[in-house]
């Protein structure tokens, strides 16, 4: 009752502030719409559609089976959680939350396991980091790849740490060990065939429905971006000096937070700015956490538990990007170049619209980084599969 009353009072206060400052609210909504339409929408639509197609064709399910040894030994989760983590890492937190909640409804996860899986699968879309942030916000695809690697590595570290802090997670690896004795690749192929059989749609139908679903999902993302932009502008008007930190966009929305933090690279240098961007993307904003909570509320998800896990992920991502920036940039394929001219286009009136072609020119390099990361994870999983429990 008290929670509902507090939420209602907060929404009423927001509505009154919009009425009090209509001009600022309108301009903030236009700014959020511009960022979403010019950068987020064209950067994510093709890859979200491809992710949905891979899910319909069973490729993601096969990847989940291949990741079973990693899930059991590193994260102490049932092997079936591998495909939910694969969905979350490939498509972003809305899809990951839905997959984890589905496993919980099927009885494959306990409440505590579902909590940890949601924290692990609640990830920013990889193309948001590689394409939108790297090529769009920073105009440096290599910087986006380095930030993405820091977010991924810190997510693995946070998942490992949360599994060790959960005392009830010790027997998950043994309980979820495969029983059919088949080779890992054979089980992955079988999972792919079974998922394809259950889906039953033709390629053309799956493509059309995937595009329609992705557009709907991106519309929801656009609404969150616009709402977060309005909320941030109103906080700036109401609390200009009392609580400046509360107006940082990354607290409320990941896209706006990354866009605002991008300017810090020019002001404070690449390591500091990239660390803030990595933390904002790992946190995903209050709106992102609320979206996941709404999807997985039926699975017993506690909002504070998810928020604490993502705060840990954000802190680790900040430290990883700040302390290991030069090695990460080297892995991304360039030296430590100066980024002082990275935002000249954004400063121009029509700069945002002119950034769209850069998104497409960066696709080959960013896709190669993502493919290399997945191959490394699958290689680690294969090595762990060769070691039987008890050896």
Protein backbone atom coordinates (compact mmCIF):
# COMPACT_ATOMS: atom_id res chain seq x y z
CA UNK A 1 0.00 0.00 0.00
CA UNK A 2 2.77 2.44 0.95
CA UNK A 3 4.68 1.59 -2.22
CA UNK A 4 1.63 2.29 -4.40
CA UNK A 5 0.98 5.56 -2.57
CA UNK A 6 4.61 6.67 -3.02
CA UNK A 7 4.54 5.76 -6.71
CA UNK A 8 1.27 7.61 -7.22
CA UNK A 9 2.62 10.70 -5.44
CA UNK A 10 5.78 10.64 -7.61
CA UNK A 11 3.76 10.38 -10.82
CA UNK A 12 1.46 13.19 -9.69
CA UNK A 13 4.48 15.37 -8.91
CA UNK A 14 5.92 14.63 -12.37
CA UNK A 15 2.63 15.56 -14.03
CA UNK A 16 2.50 18.85 -12.08
CA UNK A 17 6.08 19.66 -13.08
CA UNK A 18 5.25 19.06 -16.75
CA UNK A 19 2.33 21.49 -16.41
CA UNK A 20 4.57 23.97 -14.60
CA UNK A 21 7.36 23.81 -17.21
CA UNK A 22 5.66 22.92 -20.51
CA UNK A 23 8.32 24.53 -22.71
CA UNK A 24 11.21 22.69 -21.09
CA UNK A 25 9.27 19.43 -21.16
CA UNK A 26 8.54 19.84 -24.87
CA UNK A 27 12.13 20.67 -25.77
CA UNK A 28 13.43 17.75 -23.70
CA UNK A 29 10.98 15.40 -25.42
CA UNK A 30 12.19 16.63 -28.82
CA UNK A 31 15.81 16.06 -27.80
CA UNK A 32 15.06 12.51 -26.67
CA UNK A 33 13.10 11.86 -29.86
CA UNK A 34 15.99 13.15 -31.99
CA UNK A 35 18.53 10.88 -30.28
CA UNK A 36 16.23 7.88 -30.62
CA UNK A 37 15.16 8.46 -34.22
CA UNK A 38 18.53 9.51 -35.68
CA UNK A 39 20.82 7.11 -33.81
CA UNK A 40 19.13 4.41 -31.75
CA UNK A 41 16.41 3.32 -34.19
CA UNK A 42 18.55 2.90 -37.35
CA UNK A 43 21.41 1.42 -35.35
CA UNK A 44 19.39 -1.28 -33.57
CA UNK A 45 16.56 -2.24 -35.93
CA UNK A 46 18.50 -4.51 -38.32
CA UNK A 47 20.29 -6.32 -35.52
CA UNK A 48 17.22 -6.78 -33.35
CA UNK A 49 15.46 -8.27 -36.37
CA UNK A 50 18.39 -10.63 -36.99
CA UNK A 51 18.37 -11.62 -33.31
CA UNK A 52 14.69 -12.51 -33.52
CA UNK A 53 15.36 -14.55 -36.65
CA UNK A 54 18.20 -16.41 -34.95
CA UNK A 55 15.87 -17.15 -32.05
CA UNK A 56 13.15 -18.41 -34.41
CA UNK A 57 15.65 -20.62 -36.26
CA UNK A 58 16.95 -22.14 -33.03
CA UNK A 59 20.48 -20.77 -33.29
CA UNK A 60 20.24 -19.03 -29.91
CA UNK A 61 18.99 -22.25 -28.30
CA UNK A 62 21.98 -24.12 -29.71
CA UNK A 63 24.30 -21.43 -28.35
CA UNK A 64 22.65 -21.85 -24.96
CA UNK A 65 23.44 -25.57 -24.95
CA UNK A 66 27.04 -24.83 -25.91
CA UNK A 67 27.25 -22.46 -22.95
CA UNK A 68 25.93 -25.03 -20.46
CA UNK A 69 29.35 -25.86 -18.94
CA UNK A 70 30.03 -22.17 -18.32
CA UNK A 71 26.64 -21.71 -16.67
CA UNK A 72 27.12 -24.71 -14.38
CA UNK A 73 30.72 -24.18 -13.29
CA UNK A 74 31.17 -20.41 -13.41
CA UNK A 75 27.71 -19.10 -12.51
CA UNK A 76 26.32 -22.17 -10.67
CA UNK A 77 23.10 -22.08 -12.64
CA UNK A 78 21.27 -24.94 -14.39
CA UNK A 79 22.46 -25.66 -17.89
CA UNK A 80 19.10 -24.63 -19.31
CA UNK A 81 19.87 -21.06 -18.20
CA UNK A 82 22.50 -20.87 -20.93
CA UNK A 83 20.03 -20.06 -23.69
CA UNK A 84 18.39 -17.31 -21.56
CA UNK A 85 21.78 -15.72 -21.00
CA UNK A 86 22.52 -16.03 -24.72
CA UNK A 87 19.24 -14.28 -25.56
CA UNK A 88 19.94 -11.47 -23.10
CA UNK A 89 23.48 -10.91 -24.31
CA UNK A 90 22.51 -10.97 -27.99
CA UNK A 91 19.21 -9.04 -27.89
CA UNK A 92 19.37 -6.92 -24.74
CA UNK A 93 17.63 -6.83 -21.39
CA UNK A 94 13.97 -7.03 -22.48
CA UNK A 95 14.54 -10.35 -24.25
CA UNK A 96 16.79 -11.69 -21.51
CA UNK A 97 14.23 -10.94 -18.81
CA UNK A 98 11.48 -12.67 -20.77
CA UNK A 99 13.61 -15.77 -21.32
CA UNK A 100 14.54 -16.01 -17.64
CA UNK A 101 10.92 -15.57 -16.55
CA UNK A 102 9.87 -18.30 -18.99
CA UNK A 103 12.37 -20.74 -17.48
CA UNK A 104 11.07 -19.92 -14.01
CA UNK A 105 7.48 -20.57 -15.10
CA UNK A 106 8.56 -23.93 -16.53
CA UNK A 107 10.08 -24.93 -13.18
CA UNK A 108 13.67 -25.00 -14.46
CA UNK A 109 14.81 -22.30 -12.00
CA UNK A 110 14.26 -21.58 -8.33
CA UNK A 111 13.48 -18.06 -7.17
CA UNK A 112 17.09 -17.39 -6.15
CA UNK A 113 18.46 -18.82 -9.40
CA UNK A 114 16.04 -16.69 -11.39
CA UNK A 115 17.20 -13.60 -9.50
CA UNK A 116 20.84 -14.27 -10.41
CA UNK A 117 20.01 -15.20 -14.00
CA UNK A 118 18.05 -11.98 -14.44
CA UNK A 119 21.04 -9.99 -13.20
CA UNK A 120 23.30 -11.86 -15.65
CA UNK A 121 20.96 -11.64 -18.66
CA UNK A 122 19.97 -7.99 -18.05
CA UNK A 123 22.53 -6.61 -20.49
CA UNK A 124 22.63 -3.71 -22.96
CA UNK A 125 22.19 -4.71 -26.57
CA UNK A 126 25.65 -5.38 -28.08
CA UNK A 127 24.86 -3.30 -31.13
CA UNK A 128 23.91 -0.40 -28.88
CA UNK A 129 27.47 -0.44 -27.54
CA UNK A 130 29.26 -1.30 -30.77
CA UNK A 131 27.24 0.68 -33.31
CA UNK A 132 25.18 3.41 -31.59
CA UNK A 133 27.72 4.39 -28.92
CA UNK A 134 30.90 3.60 -30.84
CA UNK A 135 30.03 4.82 -34.34
CA UNK A 136 27.16 7.16 -33.51
CA UNK A 137 27.91 8.94 -30.23
CA UNK A 138 31.71 8.75 -30.33
CA UNK A 139 32.34 8.42 -34.07
CA UNK A 140 34.98 5.87 -33.05
CA UNK A 141 33.84 2.24 -33.51
CA UNK A 142 37.01 1.06 -31.78
CA UNK A 143 36.11 2.96 -28.62
CA UNK A 144 32.68 1.35 -28.67
CA UNK A 145 34.26 -2.09 -28.95
CA UNK A 146 36.58 -1.38 -26.01
CA UNK A 147 33.64 -0.19 -23.89
CA UNK A 148 31.63 -3.27 -24.86
CA UNK A 149 34.46 -5.60 -23.82
CA UNK A 150 34.68 -3.87 -20.44
CA UNK A 151 30.91 -4.27 -19.95
CA UNK A 152 31.04 -7.97 -20.90
CA UNK A 153 34.06 -8.79 -18.74
CA UNK A 154 32.58 -7.01 -15.73
CA UNK A 155 29.27 -8.84 -16.25
CA UNK A 156 31.08 -12.17 -16.10
CA UNK A 157 32.92 -11.07 -12.96
CA UNK A 158 29.69 -9.86 -11.31
CA UNK A 159 27.90 -13.11 -12.17
CA UNK A 160 30.77 -15.17 -10.75
CA UNK A 161 30.81 -13.11 -7.54
CA UNK A 162 27.04 -13.26 -7.04
CA UNK A 163 27.14 -17.05 -7.45
CA UNK A 164 29.76 -17.32 -4.69
CA UNK A 165 27.81 -15.01 -2.39
CA UNK A 166 24.70 -17.19 -2.73
CA UNK A 167 25.13 -20.06 -0.28
CA UNK A 168 22.31 -22.06 -1.90
CA UNK A 169 24.06 -22.10 -5.30
CA UNK A 170 26.61 -24.83 -4.60
CA UNK A 171 24.66 -27.79 -5.96
CA UNK A 172 23.40 -26.20 -9.18
CA UNK A 173 26.27 -27.53 -11.30
CA UNK A 174 25.77 -31.13 -10.22
CA UNK A 175 21.98 -31.02 -10.42
CA UNK A 176 22.00 -29.65 -13.97
CA UNK A 177 24.64 -31.91 -15.48
CA UNK A 178 23.47 -33.48 -18.77
CA UNK A 179 22.08 -36.98 -18.44
CA UNK A 180 21.91 -38.25 -22.02
CA UNK A 181 25.67 -38.57 -22.40
CA UNK A 182 25.68 -37.14 -25.91
CA UNK A 183 28.44 -34.92 -27.22
CA UNK A 184 28.00 -31.19 -26.59
CA UNK A 185 27.72 -30.40 -30.30
CA UNK A 186 25.15 -33.18 -30.78
CA UNK A 187 23.00 -31.78 -27.98
CA UNK A 188 23.32 -28.28 -29.45
CA UNK A 189 22.16 -29.52 -32.87
CA UNK A 190 19.25 -31.36 -31.25
CA UNK A 191 18.22 -28.22 -29.36
CA UNK A 192 18.33 -26.22 -32.59
CA UNK A 193 16.12 -28.75 -34.41
CA UNK A 194 13.65 -28.91 -31.52
CA UNK A 195 13.38 -25.12 -31.29
CA UNK A 196 12.87 -24.89 -35.04
CA UNK A 197 10.17 -27.57 -34.87
CA UNK A 198 8.34 -25.82 -32.02
CA UNK A 199 8.43 -22.49 -33.85
CA UNK A 200 7.03 -23.96 -37.08
CA UNK A 201 7.05 -20.71 -39.07
CA UNK A 202 8.48 -20.31 -42.54
CA UNK A 203 11.43 -18.01 -43.10
CA UNK A 204 9.33 -15.27 -44.73
CA UNK A 205 6.74 -15.29 -41.97
CA UNK A 206 9.43 -15.30 -39.27
CA UNK A 207 11.19 -12.36 -40.91
CA UNK A 208 8.04 -10.28 -41.20
CA UNK A 209 6.95 -10.96 -37.64
CA UNK A 210 10.48 -10.33 -36.36
CA UNK A 211 10.59 -6.90 -37.97
CA UNK A 212 7.15 -6.01 -36.62
CA UNK A 213 8.11 -7.16 -33.13
CA UNK A 214 11.39 -5.25 -33.24
CA UNK A 215 9.65 -2.04 -34.31
CA UNK A 216 7.26 -2.42 -31.38
CA UNK A 217 10.17 -3.03 -29.02
CA UNK A 218 12.04 0.00 -30.35
CA UNK A 219 8.92 2.12 -29.92
CA UNK A 220 8.94 1.14 -26.24
CA UNK A 221 12.64 2.06 -26.07
CA UNK A 222 11.85 5.41 -27.68
CA UNK A 223 9.19 6.07 -25.07
CA UNK A 224 11.68 5.37 -22.30
CA UNK A 225 14.25 7.67 -23.90
CA UNK A 226 11.73 10.51 -24.22
CA UNK A 227 10.39 10.02 -20.69
CA UNK A 228 13.90 9.92 -19.27
CA UNK A 229 14.85 13.08 -21.18
CA UNK A 230 11.84 14.95 -19.79
CA UNK A 231 12.51 13.74 -16.26
CA UNK A 232 16.15 14.83 -16.43
CA UNK A 233 15.27 18.32 -17.73
CA UNK A 234 12.69 18.81 -14.98
CA UNK A 235 15.18 17.76 -12.33
CA UNK A 236 17.64 20.28 -13.72
CA UNK A 237 15.02 23.02 -13.33
CA UNK A 238 13.86 22.01 -9.86
CA UNK A 239 17.27 21.02 -8.40
CA UNK A 240 19.82 23.13 -10.25
CA UNK A 241 22.30 23.43 -7.39
CA UNK A 242 20.99 21.33 -4.51
CA UNK A 243 21.48 17.92 -6.09
CA UNK A 244 23.39 18.17 -9.36
CA UNK A 245 24.28 14.48 -9.37
CA UNK A 246 20.58 13.54 -9.42
CA UNK A 247 20.23 15.08 -12.88
CA UNK A 248 22.82 12.81 -14.54
CA UNK A 249 20.92 11.06 -17.35
CA UNK A 250 22.64 7.71 -16.83
CA UNK A 251 20.76 7.22 -13.57
CA UNK A 252 17.44 7.12 -15.41
CA UNK A 253 18.05 5.91 -18.98
CA UNK A 254 20.99 4.09 -20.59
CA UNK A 255 20.91 5.73 -24.04
CA UNK A 256 20.74 9.27 -22.67
CA UNK A 257 23.36 8.43 -20.07
CA UNK A 258 25.78 7.16 -22.70
CA UNK A 259 25.08 10.20 -24.88
CA UNK A 260 25.74 12.61 -21.99
CA UNK A 261 28.81 10.72 -20.79
CA UNK A 262 30.29 10.76 -24.30
CA UNK A 263 31.19 14.42 -23.80
CA UNK A 264 33.37 13.48 -20.85
CA UNK A 265 35.89 11.84 -23.18
CA UNK A 266 36.64 15.25 -24.68
CA UNK A 267 36.71 16.98 -21.28
CA UNK A 268 38.50 14.44 -19.07
CA UNK A 269 40.13 12.03 -21.52
CA UNK A 270 39.24 8.63 -22.91
CA UNK A 271 39.69 6.45 -19.80
CA UNK A 272 37.47 8.57 -17.54
CA UNK A 273 34.74 9.17 -20.12
CA UNK A 274 34.73 5.57 -21.30
CA UNK A 275 34.48 4.36 -17.69
CA UNK A 276 31.38 6.49 -17.11
CA UNK A 277 29.82 5.24 -20.36
CA UNK A 278 30.54 1.62 -19.40
CA UNK A 279 29.00 2.16 -15.96
CA UNK A 280 25.89 3.82 -17.41
CA UNK A 281 25.38 1.02 -19.94
CA UNK A 282 25.89 -1.66 -17.28
CA UNK A 283 23.42 0.03 -14.93
CA UNK A 284 20.90 0.43 -17.84
CA UNK A 285 19.02 3.17 -15.98
CA UNK A 286 16.02 3.05 -13.68
CA UNK A 287 13.71 2.84 -16.68
CA UNK A 288 15.52 -0.26 -17.94
CA UNK A 289 15.36 -1.89 -14.52
CA UNK A 290 11.66 -1.11 -14.25
CA UNK A 291 11.07 -2.62 -17.69
CA UNK A 292 12.76 -5.86 -16.62
CA UNK A 293 10.90 -5.84 -13.32
CA UNK A 294 7.61 -5.50 -15.18
CA UNK A 295 8.45 -8.45 -17.44
CA UNK A 296 9.72 -10.76 -14.69
CA UNK A 297 7.57 -9.69 -11.75
CA UNK A 298 5.64 -12.96 -11.97
CA UNK A 299 8.91 -14.84 -11.35
CA UNK A 300 9.29 -13.24 -7.93
CA UNK A 301 11.88 -10.70 -9.03
CA UNK A 302 12.77 -8.17 -6.35
CA UNK A 303 13.58 -4.77 -7.76
CA UNK A 304 16.11 -3.91 -5.05
CA UNK A 305 17.93 -7.21 -5.62
CA UNK A 306 18.24 -6.52 -9.35
CA UNK A 307 19.28 -2.90 -8.69
CA UNK A 308 22.00 -4.02 -6.26
CA UNK A 309 23.33 -6.57 -8.76
CA UNK A 310 23.44 -3.99 -11.55
CA UNK A 311 25.14 -1.47 -9.25
CA UNK A 312 27.84 -4.09 -8.68
CA UNK A 313 28.09 -4.63 -12.44
CA UNK A 314 28.34 -0.87 -13.05
CA UNK A 315 31.08 -0.46 -10.45
CA UNK A 316 33.10 -3.32 -11.93
CA UNK A 317 32.59 -1.95 -15.46
CA UNK A 318 33.81 1.49 -14.35
CA UNK A 319 36.95 0.00 -12.80
CA UNK A 320 37.60 -2.29 -15.77
CA UNK A 321 37.34 0.51 -18.34
CA UNK A 322 39.32 2.99 -16.23
CA UNK A 323 42.17 0.68 -15.25
CA UNK A 324 42.46 -1.40 -18.42
CA UNK A 325 41.61 1.16 -21.09
CA UNK A 326 44.87 0.88 -23.03
CA UNK A 327 44.77 -2.94 -23.24
CA UNK A 328 41.10 -2.79 -24.20
CA UNK A 329 41.79 -0.24 -26.92
CA UNK A 330 44.67 -2.37 -28.13
CA UNK A 331 42.34 -5.36 -28.30
CA UNK A 332 39.89 -3.23 -30.27
CA UNK A 333 42.60 -2.68 -32.87
CA UNK A 334 44.04 0.78 -32.43
CA UNK A 335 46.49 2.77 -30.36
CA UNK A 336 45.64 5.37 -27.79
CA UNK A 337 44.67 8.14 -30.22
CA UNK A 338 43.35 11.53 -29.20
CA UNK A 339 39.55 11.87 -29.41
CA UNK A 340 39.33 15.65 -29.23
CA UNK A 341 37.48 15.96 -32.56
CA UNK A 342 35.01 13.14 -31.92
CA UNK A 343 32.00 15.42 -31.39
CA UNK A 344 32.28 18.06 -34.09
CA UNK A 345 29.40 16.63 -36.06
CA UNK A 346 27.21 16.49 -32.96
CA UNK A 347 27.82 20.21 -32.40
CA UNK A 348 26.45 21.07 -35.83
CA UNK A 349 22.69 21.65 -36.29
CA UNK A 350 22.30 18.75 -38.72
CA UNK A 351 25.10 16.67 -37.26
CA UNK A 352 22.92 13.99 -35.70
CA UNK A 353 21.23 13.18 -39.01
CA UNK A 354 24.60 12.99 -40.76
CA UNK A 355 25.82 10.38 -38.30
CA UNK A 356 23.47 7.68 -39.59
CA UNK A 357 25.75 6.53 -42.48
CA UNK A 358 28.56 6.03 -39.97
CA UNK A 359 26.49 3.41 -38.23
CA UNK A 360 26.48 1.22 -41.33
CA UNK A 361 30.16 1.71 -42.19
CA UNK A 362 31.10 0.39 -38.76
CA UNK A 363 29.09 -2.84 -39.04
CA UNK A 364 31.87 -5.18 -40.32
CA UNK A 365 34.42 -4.27 -37.63
CA UNK A 366 31.88 -4.32 -34.79
CA UNK A 367 30.34 -7.60 -35.93
CA UNK A 368 33.82 -9.13 -36.03
CA UNK A 369 34.48 -8.07 -32.42
CA UNK A 370 31.16 -9.54 -31.30
CA UNK A 371 31.81 -12.80 -33.18
CA UNK A 372 35.30 -13.08 -31.67
CA UNK A 373 33.90 -12.58 -28.16
CA UNK A 374 31.27 -15.28 -28.67
CA UNK A 375 33.89 -17.68 -30.07
CA UNK A 376 36.09 -17.12 -27.01
CA UNK A 377 33.15 -17.84 -24.70
CA UNK A 378 32.28 -21.01 -26.63
CA UNK A 379 35.92 -22.13 -26.51
CA UNK A 380 35.96 -21.65 -22.73
CA UNK A 381 32.72 -23.61 -22.48
CA UNK A 382 34.18 -26.44 -24.57
CA UNK A 383 37.23 -26.64 -22.32
CA UNK A 384 35.06 -26.76 -19.22
CA UNK A 385 32.90 -29.47 -20.80
CA UNK A 386 35.95 -31.66 -21.20
CA UNK A 387 36.44 -31.61 -17.42
CA UNK A 388 33.88 -33.91 -15.80
CA UNK A 389 32.49 -32.97 -12.37
CA UNK A 390 34.52 -34.50 -9.62
CA UNK A 391 37.80 -34.58 -11.52
